[in-house]
Every structure is written in structure tokens, then in C-alpha cells.
């Protein structure tokens, strides 16, 4: 049984929630297109971007 918060689907959902809270454009146009076509944020974002989203409470 996966630990909540560490399952890939859970992490992707958490990233999606954090991304929706941001006022600025976080994704580049090509990243946004890939995401809208069903891409996973875990695959689209860099490791640094993922850490920024997960650690940023703003």
C-alpha cells in the first residue's frame, strides 16, 4: 500500500493544486500544451520547479 503523498498520482494532484493557486504563468507555452494534452506534471516540470511548487505555500 503506497504512503499518501508519495504515490505518483498523489504528487501529480498536489502539483496541480499548487499550480492552480499561482497567479503567474508557471508553465511555458510548450509545457502547458503538453499538460493540456494529458502529460503528467512530474514528467513536464524540472526537479527544481517541482521543489519550488511543493515548498511554496503562496
Protein backbone atom coordinates (compact mmCIF):
# COMPACT_ATOMS: atom_id res chain seq x y z
CA UNK A 1 0.00 0.00 0.00
CA UNK A 2 1.54 3.34 -1.03
CA UNK A 3 2.13 6.06 1.54
CA UNK A 4 -0.14 9.08 0.82
CA UNK A 5 1.81 11.95 -0.65
CA UNK A 6 4.43 9.71 -2.21
CA UNK A 7 2.29 7.97 -4.79
CA UNK A 8 2.92 9.46 -8.25
CA UNK A 9 -0.78 10.21 -8.73
CA UNK A 10 -0.92 11.94 -5.34
CA UNK A 11 2.14 14.02 -6.14
CA UNK A 12 0.77 14.97 -9.54
CA UNK A 13 -2.54 16.05 -7.95
CA UNK A 14 -0.68 18.08 -5.32
CA UNK A 15 1.38 19.80 -8.02
CA UNK A 16 -1.79 20.53 -9.98
CA UNK A 17 -3.41 22.12 -6.90
CA UNK A 18 -0.34 24.26 -6.20
CA UNK A 19 -0.10 25.27 -9.85
CA UNK A 20 -3.74 26.42 -9.84
CA UNK A 21 -3.08 28.66 -6.79
CA UNK A 22 -0.30 30.60 -8.52
CA UNK A 23 -1.20 33.88 -10.21
CA UNK A 24 1.81 33.92 -12.51
CA UNK A 25 2.44 31.79 -15.56
CA UNK A 26 4.48 28.91 -14.14
CA UNK A 27 4.44 26.68 -17.23
CA UNK A 28 5.97 27.66 -20.54
CA UNK A 29 3.60 27.55 -23.53
CA UNK A 30 5.05 24.20 -24.65
CA UNK A 31 4.77 22.76 -21.13
CA UNK A 32 1.17 23.99 -20.86
CA UNK A 33 0.32 22.36 -24.21
CA UNK A 34 1.88 19.06 -23.11
CA UNK A 35 -0.02 19.24 -19.79
CA UNK A 36 -3.33 20.02 -21.52
CA UNK A 37 -2.74 17.01 -23.78
CA UNK A 38 -2.61 14.73 -20.73
CA UNK A 39 1.03 14.96 -19.71
CA UNK A 40 1.99 14.43 -16.08
CA UNK A 41 3.41 17.41 -14.22
CA UNK A 42 6.02 15.05 -12.77
CA UNK A 43 7.31 14.46 -16.30
CA UNK A 44 6.87 18.01 -17.58
CA UNK A 45 8.41 20.05 -14.77
CA UNK A 46 12.07 20.11 -13.81
CA UNK A 47 13.09 18.84 -10.39
CA UNK A 48 13.73 22.44 -9.28
CA UNK A 49 10.25 23.54 -10.41
CA UNK A 50 8.66 20.64 -8.55
CA UNK A 51 10.52 21.57 -5.37
CA UNK A 52 9.51 25.22 -5.78
CA UNK A 53 5.84 24.30 -6.15
CA UNK A 54 5.85 21.84 -3.24
CA UNK A 55 7.76 24.15 -0.90
CA UNK A 56 5.93 27.36 -1.84
CA UNK A 57 2.86 27.95 0.29
CA UNK A 58 1.96 31.17 -1.56
